[in-house]
Every structure is written in C-alpha cells, then in structure tokens.
Amino acid sequence: MISSVYDYYLSQYGHKANSKYDSHTKNQLKTTYNKVVKHNSQSPTYKTDTSDDAVKYAIDLKENARELNNIANELSNADGTGMNYKKTAVSSNPEAVNAVFIGDSKLNIEDLTVSVDKIAQNQVNIGNYLQPKSNLFAAGDYSFDLNINNITYEFQFSIYDNEATIDVQENISRLINKSNIGLSSMVLEDSLGNTALTIESNATGFKGIKPITFNIVANTDTEDNFNIDAATSMENATKNENLVRTLGLDRISQFPSNASYTINGSQRASPNNDITYDKAFILNLKTVTQVPATISLLADADSIAESIEELVSGYNNLISVATDETNNQFGGNEKLRKEIQAIASSYKEQLGQSGLSVDDQGLIRVDKEEIVKKAQEGNLKDVFNSLDSFKSDIQKKAEDISLDPMNYVNNKIVAYKNPQRTTTDPYNLSAYTGMMFNGYT
C-alpha cells in the first residue's frame, strides 16, 4: 500500500508550492502539539480502515483542509482576525508611472510619491538614407564585427551581381534579427522613398559594464550598448569599411541612458524602466512627470471579489470531497458533509445578502457582479461582517480536519476513554502518518 499512497500524494499534491503558512515558529508548533494532546485525551480508541481508497480519501481531506486554512490565514488581518482583502496598487498618473503590488496586503504600507526626471533609453543606430534601387556594392563576400559588452559577433554574407541597396539592407537586418543577441533591426523609409537600416539594443541604460560604441574609431570613449566595425581581415578591410560607412551602420542616433527618478524625495537611478521597490511594488516608468505620481494601495471592487472567490473556492473544494458519492463507503464522509453543510446553512441568509448563494449540497456560488456593485456603492460593511464570521467557522473546521483527517474515515471504536480521568494517547493521532509507513516491518 505504501507505494500507491506515495504515488497518489505526489501526483495530486506534490507539484503544489508550499505556502508561507506551511512554515511554523517554535511557539506555533508547541500550540499545535497542545491541540493534539487535548484531542487525543478526549478521543476513543478505534480501529481505522487503512485500505488504499480510504487512505487516498484521508489525503484529499487533509490537503484540501490545509489549503482552505492557508487561504483563510491569507485573508485574515495580521492578528489573525477580521477580513483582509487583496489590495491593488493605484497610480494617480498611470500614463507616467504604472504600478503593480507584489507585497503582503497585511502590512501597513504608506503611499509612494514618484517623480520621473528621465526614462531609461536604449541605443539606436539609424544608417544613411540611400536610393533603394542603387547598386553601391561590388559582388563578393563581406563581413563586419558587432561588439556587445566585450563580446564580438562576426556577421558574414554575400552580395551578388546587380543586387540593389535595399536587398543588402534587408539581408543585414534579417541576419541581426535572427542572431538573437539582444538587438533588433528594420529598414526605414523616408518621405522621398529612400531607405536606411536601423539597429537598436533591447537593453536600456548602463549596467555597470562600460559599453562599446558602434564606431570603434570615433566613439571609443562613449558609453554605448553595442558597436559595429568592419572586419579587420587585410584582404577585405577596404570594402568592409566602405560597406559599414556607406550604409552608416556606425551612426548613433540615440545613446543609451539610465532612468532618473525620485521616490518619496530620494533620488535614484536605474538602467531600465521596470523597478522593484521594497519588495512591495513593481513600478513601470513611462514618461517624464510634470506632477509627481502618487501610488496608493486600495482594496478595489475587483480585488475584493477575487479574495471572496478564492475563499469560496477553497471551501467548495473541501465540501466537494465530502459530498463525493464514491467516498460514502468510508463511513465518515456523511459525518463530515453534515458538519460542513451545517456551517454554510447557518450563514445562508447572510451570505445571500452579500452576493453569495448556498445550494442544497452546501456549495457556494459567487455573484461577482453583485459584490462589485456593493463595493462601488459603499455597502460592503455587511458583506465583511458576515464573511468574517463565516471564514472563522470554516477555518476552525479546516484546522480540526487537518489535525485528524482519519476521524472522518470509517472507524470502528475499540474502547472509550474514561470521562472522569482523561489520559493522553500519543499513538492514536499518528494514524494518518502511520498509514504511510505501515509497509515497514
């Protein structure tokens, strides 16, 4: 049995990432231990069904209860009480500074004031505009070196008889785009119909390494992201240099630069326009600000609805296990179903007024439009109060299931505890763990 149990556990739950609530402090582990001791002192001794199907059922209960408990913890305030909804970063000037919140909604995070003095730019080379149908290059083999941060890439290609300038430009553009070295290229056309080859870096700004210019002769001291130079072979040097200069591959139209900005009055710089701040925000700098942008955290209608949907989803997953007809053979299924449905039924009227409906199976349906409407009308106080009480009750039930999922498997009572003198039973609650190892002798 042990191999099938592990296979089932890994296939169903092994891929899921652990929540931060799956890690516990010493005091939290001690509290859990005390709960186990108290539970054991009051539980009768029973013989448990350890068939493969019963074990899989217990695993489903344990994991779905643990997930629901984690969701409830995530949606609770720092003190473990109340409802804490997910928050969204809102910018007062999204056209200049956009923001995404990636932090912990439970933390008290103050508003940010962001001013952008300059956005980060990439390097852009725009070549000479030439007559596209002209024949400027003799047939033969050509090459040039392209340097990016001290790494040199050599590009080789051939020009054939009567090949037009536009064909050469497009050929070089394709070579650069296919090279996948952090550059992109295209052929531009001006109002007179002349064409020029443009090359630009995907990266912006400086990253601590002295960039190298396109023109190795004229701009060796400038700080650029890349440079192009004719290949140095003596045989082909003259025609390669002529190709680079004629096409204007070394003409820098825009030099790379770092973003310059302030957050709450503190001056900062960045090589790119996507900035992670204090492990809480991702700021996207779009343009220079005339008026500072204020970044605030709000529990808007959509984030509130998303939080409620997440809580309901965890609840529905657990009750789906309890109401699955295939689990009736394990006996405790009906007991669990009644306990969970009783919780939902006691809040049915309150939840209904909050945009949540409870069906006959105890499953909850979310009317997102109704929740968003209440949020927009400012009538969420009743929703918060009813959901807080509901969350607390189902979280307590999830904790009970997590402590002893085998309590809901078909059990045969062997002996009751003495009600006048309770004693601890260190082996009783280990049934869930012990079933994993019952193949050992």
Protein backbone atom coordinates (compact mmCIF):
# COMPACT_ATOMS: atom_id res chain seq x y z
CA MET A 1 0.00 0.00 0.00
CA ILE A 2 2.78 2.41 0.86
CA SER A 3 3.92 2.85 -2.76
CA SER A 4 0.41 3.56 -4.05
CA VAL A 5 -0.18 6.08 -1.26
CA TYR A 6 3.00 7.99 -2.08
CA ASP A 7 2.31 7.83 -5.80
CA TYR A 8 -1.15 9.28 -5.25
CA TYR A 9 0.09 12.00 -2.91
CA LEU A 10 2.89 13.09 -5.25
CA SER A 11 0.74 13.01 -8.39
CA GLN A 12 -2.09 15.01 -6.80
CA TYR A 13 -0.30 17.38 -4.43
CA GLY A 14 3.45 17.05 -4.88
CA HIS A 15 3.63 19.79 -7.53
CA LYS A 16 1.99 22.45 -5.39
CA ALA A 17 4.21 25.14 -3.94
CA ASN A 18 4.26 25.48 -0.17
CA SER A 19 2.57 28.50 1.35
CA LYS A 20 4.33 30.69 3.89
CA TYR A 21 1.71 29.40 6.33
CA ASP A 22 3.15 25.90 5.99
CA SER A 23 6.21 27.07 7.92
CA HIS A 24 5.81 27.47 11.65
CA THR A 25 7.65 29.03 14.54
CA LYS A 26 8.58 27.09 17.65
CA ASN A 27 5.63 28.56 19.55
CA GLN A 28 3.21 27.67 16.75
CA LEU A 29 4.43 24.07 16.74
CA LYS A 30 4.01 23.94 20.51
CA THR A 31 0.44 25.21 20.18
CA THR A 32 -0.30 22.52 17.59
CA TYR A 33 1.21 19.88 19.87
CA ASN A 34 -1.02 21.00 22.75
CA LYS A 35 -4.07 20.76 20.49
CA VAL A 36 -3.06 17.21 19.53
CA VAL A 37 -2.62 16.21 23.17
CA LYS A 38 -6.02 17.63 24.11
CA HIS A 39 -7.68 15.93 21.14
CA ASN A 40 -6.12 12.57 21.99
CA SER A 41 -7.13 12.79 25.62
CA GLN A 42 -10.78 13.01 24.61
CA SER A 43 -10.87 10.64 21.63
CA PRO A 44 -11.84 6.97 21.90
CA THR A 45 -9.52 4.28 20.67
CA TYR A 46 -10.62 2.99 17.29
CA LYS A 47 -9.53 0.70 14.51
CA THR A 48 -9.11 2.57 11.24
CA ASP A 49 -9.83 1.47 7.69
CA THR A 50 -6.39 1.57 6.03
CA SER A 51 -7.37 0.41 2.56
CA ASP A 52 -5.83 2.30 -0.36
CA ASP A 53 -9.10 4.08 -1.20
CA ALA A 54 -9.66 5.12 2.40
CA VAL A 55 -6.12 6.41 2.65
CA LYS A 56 -6.50 8.45 -0.55
CA TYR A 57 -9.71 9.89 0.84
CA ALA A 58 -7.89 10.92 4.03
CA ILE A 59 -5.14 12.54 1.98
CA ASP A 60 -7.71 14.52 -0.02
CA LEU A 61 -9.32 15.70 3.20
CA LYS A 62 -6.01 16.67 4.77
CA GLU A 63 -4.70 18.60 1.76
CA ASN A 64 -7.94 20.41 0.93
CA ALA A 65 -8.42 21.36 4.58
CA ARG A 66 -4.83 22.63 4.74
CA GLU A 67 -5.32 24.68 1.57
CA LEU A 68 -8.55 26.20 2.93
CA ASN A 69 -6.80 27.01 6.20
CA ASN A 70 -3.97 28.75 4.32
CA ILE A 71 -6.44 30.78 2.26
CA ALA A 72 -8.25 31.85 5.41
CA ASN A 73 -4.95 32.86 7.00
CA GLU A 74 -4.05 34.86 3.89
CA LEU A 75 -7.34 36.72 4.07
CA SER A 76 -7.04 37.45 7.80
CA ASN A 77 -5.50 40.53 9.35
CA ALA A 78 -2.09 40.40 10.98
CA ASP A 79 -3.66 39.50 14.34
CA GLY A 80 -5.49 36.56 12.72
CA THR A 81 -8.92 38.18 12.95
CA GLY A 82 -11.11 40.17 10.57
CA MET A 83 -11.08 40.11 6.80
CA ASN A 84 -8.02 41.27 4.90
CA TYR A 85 -8.72 41.64 1.21
CA LYS A 86 -6.13 41.66 -1.51
CA LYS A 87 -5.03 45.13 -2.45
CA THR A 88 -4.22 46.71 -5.78
CA ALA A 89 -1.68 49.43 -6.49
CA VAL A 90 -3.33 52.51 -7.99
CA SER A 91 -1.40 55.33 -9.64
CA SER A 92 -2.69 58.90 -9.73
CA ASN A 93 -0.88 59.28 -13.06
CA PRO A 94 -0.80 55.86 -14.78
CA GLU A 95 0.26 57.39 -18.10
CA ALA A 96 3.57 58.38 -16.49
CA VAL A 97 4.05 55.76 -13.74
CA ASN A 98 2.21 52.45 -13.56
CA ALA A 99 2.42 50.19 -10.51
CA VAL A 100 1.78 46.56 -9.58
CA PHE A 101 1.58 45.48 -5.94
CA ILE A 102 3.55 42.31 -5.11
CA GLY A 103 3.83 42.66 -1.34
CA ASP A 104 1.88 41.42 1.66
CA SER A 105 -1.57 43.03 1.92
CA LYS A 106 -1.41 42.66 5.70
CA LEU A 107 1.43 45.13 6.03
CA ASN A 108 0.73 48.79 6.61
CA ILE A 109 2.38 50.29 3.54
CA GLU A 110 2.34 54.04 3.07
CA ASP A 111 1.69 55.80 -0.23
CA LEU A 112 4.62 56.45 -2.57
CA THR A 113 5.31 59.74 -4.32
CA VAL A 114 7.19 59.14 -7.58
CA SER A 115 8.72 61.78 -9.86
CA VAL A 116 10.40 60.82 -13.14
CA ASP A 117 13.14 63.14 -14.42
CA LYS A 118 14.25 60.88 -17.26
CA ILE A 119 13.31 57.44 -18.50
CA ALA A 120 15.90 54.85 -19.45
CA GLN A 121 16.67 54.68 -23.17
CA ASN A 122 18.29 52.14 -25.41
CA GLN A 123 20.90 52.70 -28.11
CA VAL A 124 19.57 53.34 -31.60
CA ASN A 125 21.67 53.45 -34.76
CA ILE A 126 19.99 54.83 -37.90
CA GLY A 127 22.05 54.46 -41.05
CA ASN A 128 22.26 56.65 -44.12
CA TYR A 129 19.16 57.07 -46.27
CA LEU A 130 20.06 55.73 -49.72
CA GLN A 131 18.37 55.18 -53.07
CA PRO A 132 16.90 51.68 -52.58
CA LYS A 133 17.42 50.58 -56.22
CA SER A 134 21.00 51.82 -56.47
CA ASN A 135 23.94 49.42 -56.85
CA LEU A 136 26.56 50.67 -54.42
CA PHE A 137 28.47 47.49 -53.61
CA ALA A 138 30.50 45.15 -55.75
CA ALA A 139 29.66 41.46 -55.74
CA GLY A 140 31.64 39.41 -53.24
CA ASP A 141 31.85 38.20 -49.65
CA TYR A 142 31.53 40.74 -46.85
CA SER A 143 31.72 40.71 -43.07
CA PHE A 144 31.62 43.03 -40.09
CA ASP A 145 32.09 42.64 -36.34
CA LEU A 146 29.39 43.61 -33.88
CA ASN A 147 30.55 44.10 -30.28
CA ILE A 148 28.28 43.98 -27.25
CA ASN A 149 29.86 44.41 -23.82
CA ASN A 150 33.24 43.00 -24.88
CA ILE A 151 31.67 40.10 -26.79
CA THR A 152 32.30 40.13 -30.53
CA TYR A 153 29.94 38.60 -33.08
CA GLU A 154 31.06 38.30 -36.70
CA PHE A 155 28.43 38.56 -39.43
CA GLN A 156 29.28 37.18 -42.86
CA PHE A 157 27.18 37.48 -46.00
CA SER A 158 27.49 37.71 -49.76
CA ILE A 159 26.41 40.35 -52.26
CA TYR A 160 25.61 39.15 -55.76
CA ASP A 161 25.81 40.86 -59.14
CA ASN A 162 23.30 43.68 -59.65
CA GLU A 163 21.98 43.29 -56.09
CA ALA A 164 20.26 46.55 -55.07
CA THR A 165 20.98 48.52 -51.91
CA ILE A 166 17.57 47.66 -50.43
CA ASP A 167 18.41 43.95 -50.81
CA VAL A 168 21.67 44.42 -48.88
CA GLN A 169 19.91 46.38 -46.13
CA GLU A 170 17.18 43.78 -45.74
CA ASN A 171 19.71 40.94 -45.74
CA ILE A 172 21.74 42.51 -42.92
CA SER A 173 18.54 43.27 -40.99
CA ARG A 174 17.47 39.61 -41.20
CA LEU A 175 20.91 38.43 -40.04
CA ILE A 176 20.80 40.64 -36.96
CA ASN A 177 17.21 39.73 -36.05
CA LYS A 178 17.91 36.00 -36.37
CA SER A 179 21.10 36.20 -34.30
CA ASN A 180 19.18 36.60 -31.01
CA ILE A 181 21.93 38.67 -29.37
CA GLY A 182 19.78 41.39 -27.85
CA LEU A 183 19.46 43.61 -30.92
CA SER A 184 16.63 44.27 -33.34
CA SER A 185 16.78 45.75 -36.81
CA MET A 186 14.50 47.01 -39.56
CA VAL A 187 14.64 49.06 -42.74
CA LEU A 188 13.13 52.57 -42.59
CA GLU A 189 11.81 54.63 -45.49
CA ASP A 190 11.67 58.44 -45.58
CA SER A 191 9.22 60.73 -47.38
CA LEU A 192 11.38 60.67 -50.52
CA GLY A 193 11.37 56.88 -50.76
CA ASN A 194 14.98 56.48 -49.58
CA THR A 195 15.76 53.63 -47.18
CA ALA A 196 18.03 53.30 -44.16
CA LEU A 197 18.99 50.39 -41.93
CA THR A 198 18.24 50.89 -38.23
CA ILE A 199 19.61 48.78 -35.38
CA GLU A 200 18.69 49.17 -31.73
CA SER A 201 19.51 47.40 -28.48
CA ASN A 202 16.78 45.69 -26.48
CA ALA A 203 18.53 46.66 -23.25
CA THR A 204 18.40 50.18 -21.89
CA GLY A 205 20.89 52.20 -19.86
CA PHE A 206 24.22 51.15 -18.33
CA LYS A 207 24.61 48.06 -16.23
CA GLY A 208 27.99 48.60 -14.61
CA ILE A 209 29.96 47.45 -17.65
CA LYS A 210 31.48 50.07 -19.93
CA PRO A 211 29.52 49.70 -23.16
CA ILE A 212 31.29 49.80 -26.52
CA THR A 213 30.29 52.12 -29.35
CA PHE A 214 29.31 51.17 -32.88
CA ASN A 215 32.12 53.25 -34.27
CA ILE A 216 35.28 51.90 -32.74
CA VAL A 217 37.35 54.74 -34.10
CA ALA A 218 35.30 57.85 -33.45
CA ASN A 219 33.40 56.86 -30.31
CA THR A 220 35.64 54.58 -28.25
CA ASP A 221 35.16 56.73 -25.16
CA THR A 222 31.38 56.96 -25.31
CA GLU A 223 29.18 54.69 -23.22
CA ASP A 224 27.01 52.76 -25.63
CA ASN A 225 25.41 49.33 -25.53
CA PHE A 226 26.99 47.96 -28.71
CA ASN A 227 29.25 48.89 -31.62
CA ILE A 228 29.76 47.77 -35.20
CA ASP A 229 33.05 47.86 -37.04
CA ALA A 230 34.25 46.47 -40.35
CA ALA A 231 36.04 43.13 -40.09
CA THR A 232 39.80 43.51 -39.82
CA SER A 233 40.87 41.00 -42.48
CA MET A 234 43.50 42.79 -44.66
CA GLU A 235 42.09 41.32 -47.86
CA ASN A 236 38.56 42.56 -47.25
CA ALA A 237 39.20 45.51 -44.92
CA THR A 238 38.70 48.25 -47.54
CA LYS A 239 35.41 47.01 -48.95
CA ASN A 240 34.12 46.05 -45.48
CA GLU A 241 34.89 49.53 -44.15
CA ASN A 242 33.24 51.02 -47.23
CA LEU A 243 30.12 48.92 -46.60
CA VAL A 244 29.85 50.00 -42.93
CA ARG A 245 30.39 53.68 -43.73
CA THR A 246 28.16 53.74 -46.82
CA LEU A 247 25.27 52.11 -45.02
CA GLY A 248 26.00 54.21 -41.92
CA LEU A 249 25.88 51.24 -39.55
CA ASP A 250 28.02 53.17 -37.04
CA ARG A 251 25.80 56.27 -36.89
CA ILE A 252 24.41 56.53 -33.36
CA SER A 253 21.13 58.44 -33.30
CA GLN A 254 20.30 57.80 -29.63
CA PHE A 255 22.78 56.98 -26.88
CA PRO A 256 21.68 54.68 -24.03
CA SER A 257 20.86 56.35 -20.73
CA ASN A 258 19.67 55.41 -17.25
CA ALA A 259 16.33 56.36 -15.77
CA SER A 260 16.46 59.15 -13.20
CA TYR A 261 13.63 59.38 -10.68
CA THR A 262 12.76 60.03 -7.03
CA ILE A 263 10.66 58.01 -4.60
CA ASN A 264 9.43 59.94 -1.57
CA GLY A 265 12.08 62.56 -2.26
CA SER A 266 15.01 60.11 -2.51
CA GLN A 267 16.94 60.41 -5.78
CA ARG A 268 17.51 57.13 -7.62
CA ALA A 269 18.75 55.79 -10.95
CA SER A 270 18.07 52.57 -12.85
CA PRO A 271 19.29 51.04 -16.13
CA ASN A 272 15.73 50.10 -17.04
CA ASN A 273 12.21 51.41 -16.58
CA ASP A 274 10.80 48.46 -14.62
CA ILE A 275 11.78 48.88 -10.98
CA THR A 276 11.12 46.69 -7.94
CA TYR A 277 10.74 48.83 -4.84
CA ASP A 278 10.95 47.50 -1.28
CA LYS A 279 9.77 44.03 -2.38
CA ALA A 280 6.27 45.51 -2.50
CA PHE A 281 5.86 47.31 -5.82
CA ILE A 282 6.90 46.95 -9.43
CA LEU A 283 6.99 50.44 -10.91
CA ASN A 284 6.93 51.00 -14.65
CA LEU A 285 8.29 54.41 -15.63
CA LYS A 286 6.65 55.52 -18.87
CA THR A 287 7.44 59.21 -19.30
CA VAL A 288 8.77 62.29 -17.51
CA THR A 289 6.32 63.57 -14.91
CA GLN A 290 5.18 67.16 -14.75
CA VAL A 291 3.38 66.44 -11.47
CA PRO A 292 4.55 63.62 -9.12
CA ALA A 293 2.52 60.42 -9.26
CA THR A 294 1.07 59.03 -6.04
CA ILE A 295 0.99 55.23 -5.69
CA SER A 296 -1.66 54.02 -3.23
CA LEU A 297 -2.95 50.65 -2.10
CA LEU A 298 -6.67 50.09 -2.38
CA ALA A 299 -8.96 47.12 -1.91
CA ASP A 300 -10.95 47.88 -5.04
CA ALA A 301 -14.06 46.07 -6.18
CA ASP A 302 -12.22 43.57 -8.38
CA SER A 303 -9.63 42.64 -5.73
CA ILE A 304 -12.37 42.23 -3.10
CA ALA A 305 -14.33 39.96 -5.44
CA GLU A 306 -11.16 37.99 -6.21
CA SER A 307 -10.46 37.49 -2.49
CA ILE A 308 -14.01 36.28 -1.86
CA GLU A 309 -13.84 33.92 -4.85
CA GLU A 310 -10.57 32.49 -3.52
CA LEU A 311 -12.08 31.80 -0.09
CA VAL A 312 -15.20 30.25 -1.60
CA SER A 313 -13.12 28.13 -3.98
CA GLY A 314 -11.15 26.63 -1.06
CA TYR A 315 -14.41 25.91 0.79
CA ASN A 316 -16.04 24.33 -2.28
CA ASN A 317 -13.02 22.10 -2.91
CA LEU A 318 -13.27 20.71 0.62
CA ILE A 319 -17.02 20.16 0.53
CA SER A 320 -16.71 18.50 -2.90
CA VAL A 321 -14.54 15.83 -1.28
CA ALA A 322 -17.10 15.44 1.50
CA THR A 323 -20.05 15.17 -0.89
CA ASP A 324 -18.39 12.83 -3.39
CA GLU A 325 -20.62 9.74 -3.54
CA THR A 326 -17.63 7.47 -4.16
CA ASN A 327 -16.42 8.27 -0.63
CA ASN A 328 -19.62 7.10 1.10
CA GLN A 329 -18.10 3.67 1.66
CA PHE A 330 -15.66 5.15 4.14
CA GLY A 331 -18.33 5.95 6.69
CA GLY A 332 -17.06 9.29 7.96
CA ASN A 333 -18.00 11.01 4.72
CA GLU A 334 -21.60 11.61 5.80
CA LYS A 335 -20.44 12.95 9.15
CA LEU A 336 -18.13 15.49 7.53
CA ARG A 337 -20.74 16.52 4.98
CA LYS A 338 -23.28 17.30 7.69
CA GLU A 339 -20.77 19.29 9.73
CA ILE A 340 -19.69 21.47 6.80
CA GLN A 341 -23.20 21.92 5.43
CA ALA A 342 -24.36 22.98 8.89
CA ILE A 343 -21.84 25.84 8.83
CA ALA A 344 -22.94 27.01 5.39
CA SER A 345 -26.64 26.70 6.29
CA SER A 346 -26.24 28.84 9.40
CA TYR A 347 -24.90 31.67 7.23
CA LYS A 348 -27.13 31.07 4.21
CA GLU A 349 -29.28 34.17 4.69
CA GLN A 350 -26.36 36.47 5.48
CA LEU A 351 -24.29 35.17 2.57
CA GLY A 352 -27.27 35.57 0.25
CA GLN A 353 -27.46 39.26 1.09
CA SER A 354 -23.75 39.53 0.22
CA GLY A 355 -23.97 38.11 -3.29
CA LEU A 356 -23.22 34.51 -2.25
CA SER A 357 -25.75 31.70 -2.61
CA VAL A 358 -25.66 28.28 -0.92
CA ASP A 359 -27.14 25.30 -2.79
CA ASP A 360 -28.58 22.08 -1.35
CA GLN A 361 -25.18 20.38 -1.39
CA GLY A 362 -23.65 23.19 0.64
CA LEU A 363 -21.65 24.55 -2.30
CA ILE A 364 -21.42 28.34 -2.56
CA ARG A 365 -21.86 30.32 -5.77
CA VAL A 366 -20.39 33.79 -6.10
CA ASP A 367 -22.27 36.59 -7.84
CA LYS A 368 -19.30 38.76 -8.73
CA GLU A 369 -21.42 41.49 -10.29
CA GLU A 370 -23.41 41.86 -7.07
CA ILE A 371 -20.22 42.08 -4.97
CA VAL A 372 -18.69 44.67 -7.30
CA LYS A 373 -21.94 46.63 -7.21
CA LYS A 374 -21.96 46.68 -3.40
CA ALA A 375 -18.31 47.73 -3.37
CA GLN A 376 -18.96 50.58 -5.75
CA GLU A 377 -21.98 51.69 -3.71
CA GLY A 378 -20.00 51.53 -0.47
CA ASN A 379 -22.31 48.88 1.03
CA LEU A 380 -19.68 46.27 1.88
CA LYS A 381 -19.81 46.51 5.67
CA ASP A 382 -22.44 43.78 5.94
CA VAL A 383 -20.51 41.64 3.46
CA PHE A 384 -17.34 41.99 5.53
CA ASN A 385 -19.07 41.10 8.81
CA SER A 386 -20.86 38.01 7.52
CA LEU A 387 -17.81 36.74 5.65
CA ASP A 388 -15.56 37.28 8.67
CA SER A 389 -17.74 35.08 10.88
CA PHE A 390 -18.14 32.50 8.12
CA LYS A 391 -14.39 32.47 7.50
CA SER A 392 -13.66 31.94 11.18
CA ASP A 393 -16.02 28.97 11.45
CA ILE A 394 -14.84 27.16 8.33
CA GLN A 395 -11.22 27.84 9.27
CA LYS A 396 -11.78 26.19 12.65
CA LYS A 397 -13.36 23.20 10.92
CA ALA A 398 -10.42 23.03 8.48
CA GLU A 399 -7.98 23.02 11.39
CA ASP A 400 -9.89 20.17 13.05
CA ILE A 401 -9.79 18.13 9.83
CA SER A 402 -6.08 18.83 9.39
CA LEU A 403 -5.37 17.68 12.95
CA ASP A 404 -7.12 14.34 12.50
CA PRO A 405 -8.36 13.52 8.97
CA MET A 406 -8.66 9.84 9.98
CA ASN A 407 -11.55 10.88 12.21
CA TYR A 408 -13.63 11.03 9.03
CA VAL A 409 -12.65 7.63 7.71
CA ASN A 410 -14.68 4.52 8.55
CA ASN A 411 -13.68 3.89 12.18
CA LYS A 412 -14.54 1.05 14.50
CA ILE A 413 -14.45 2.09 18.13
CA VAL A 414 -12.48 -0.31 20.30
CA ALA A 415 -12.69 1.48 23.65
CA TYR A 416 -13.94 4.77 25.09
CA LYS A 417 -11.83 6.99 27.31
CA ASN A 418 -12.68 7.27 30.97
CA PRO A 419 -14.62 10.57 31.11
CA GLN A 420 -13.57 11.12 34.72
CA ARG A 421 -9.89 10.57 34.12
CA THR A 422 -8.66 11.55 30.67
CA THR A 423 -5.24 10.37 29.59
CA THR A 424 -3.09 11.22 26.62
CA ASP A 425 -2.77 8.72 23.81
CA PRO A 426 0.39 9.51 21.79
CA TYR A 427 -0.29 6.81 19.20
CA ASN A 428 -3.91 7.46 18.34
CA LEU A 429 -3.50 10.59 16.24
CA SER A 430 -0.47 9.22 14.42
CA ALA A 431 -2.76 7.04 12.33
CA TYR A 432 -2.60 9.47 9.41
CA THR A 433 1.20 9.41 9.44
CA GLY A 434 1.40 5.76 10.39
CA MET A 435 -0.64 4.66 7.40
CA MET A 436 2.18 5.95 5.20
CA PHE A 437 4.65 3.62 6.86
CA ASN A 438 2.58 0.51 7.57
CA GLY A 439 4.52 -1.34 4.88
CA TYR A 440 7.61 -1.36 7.07
CA THR A 441 8.25 -4.22 9.49
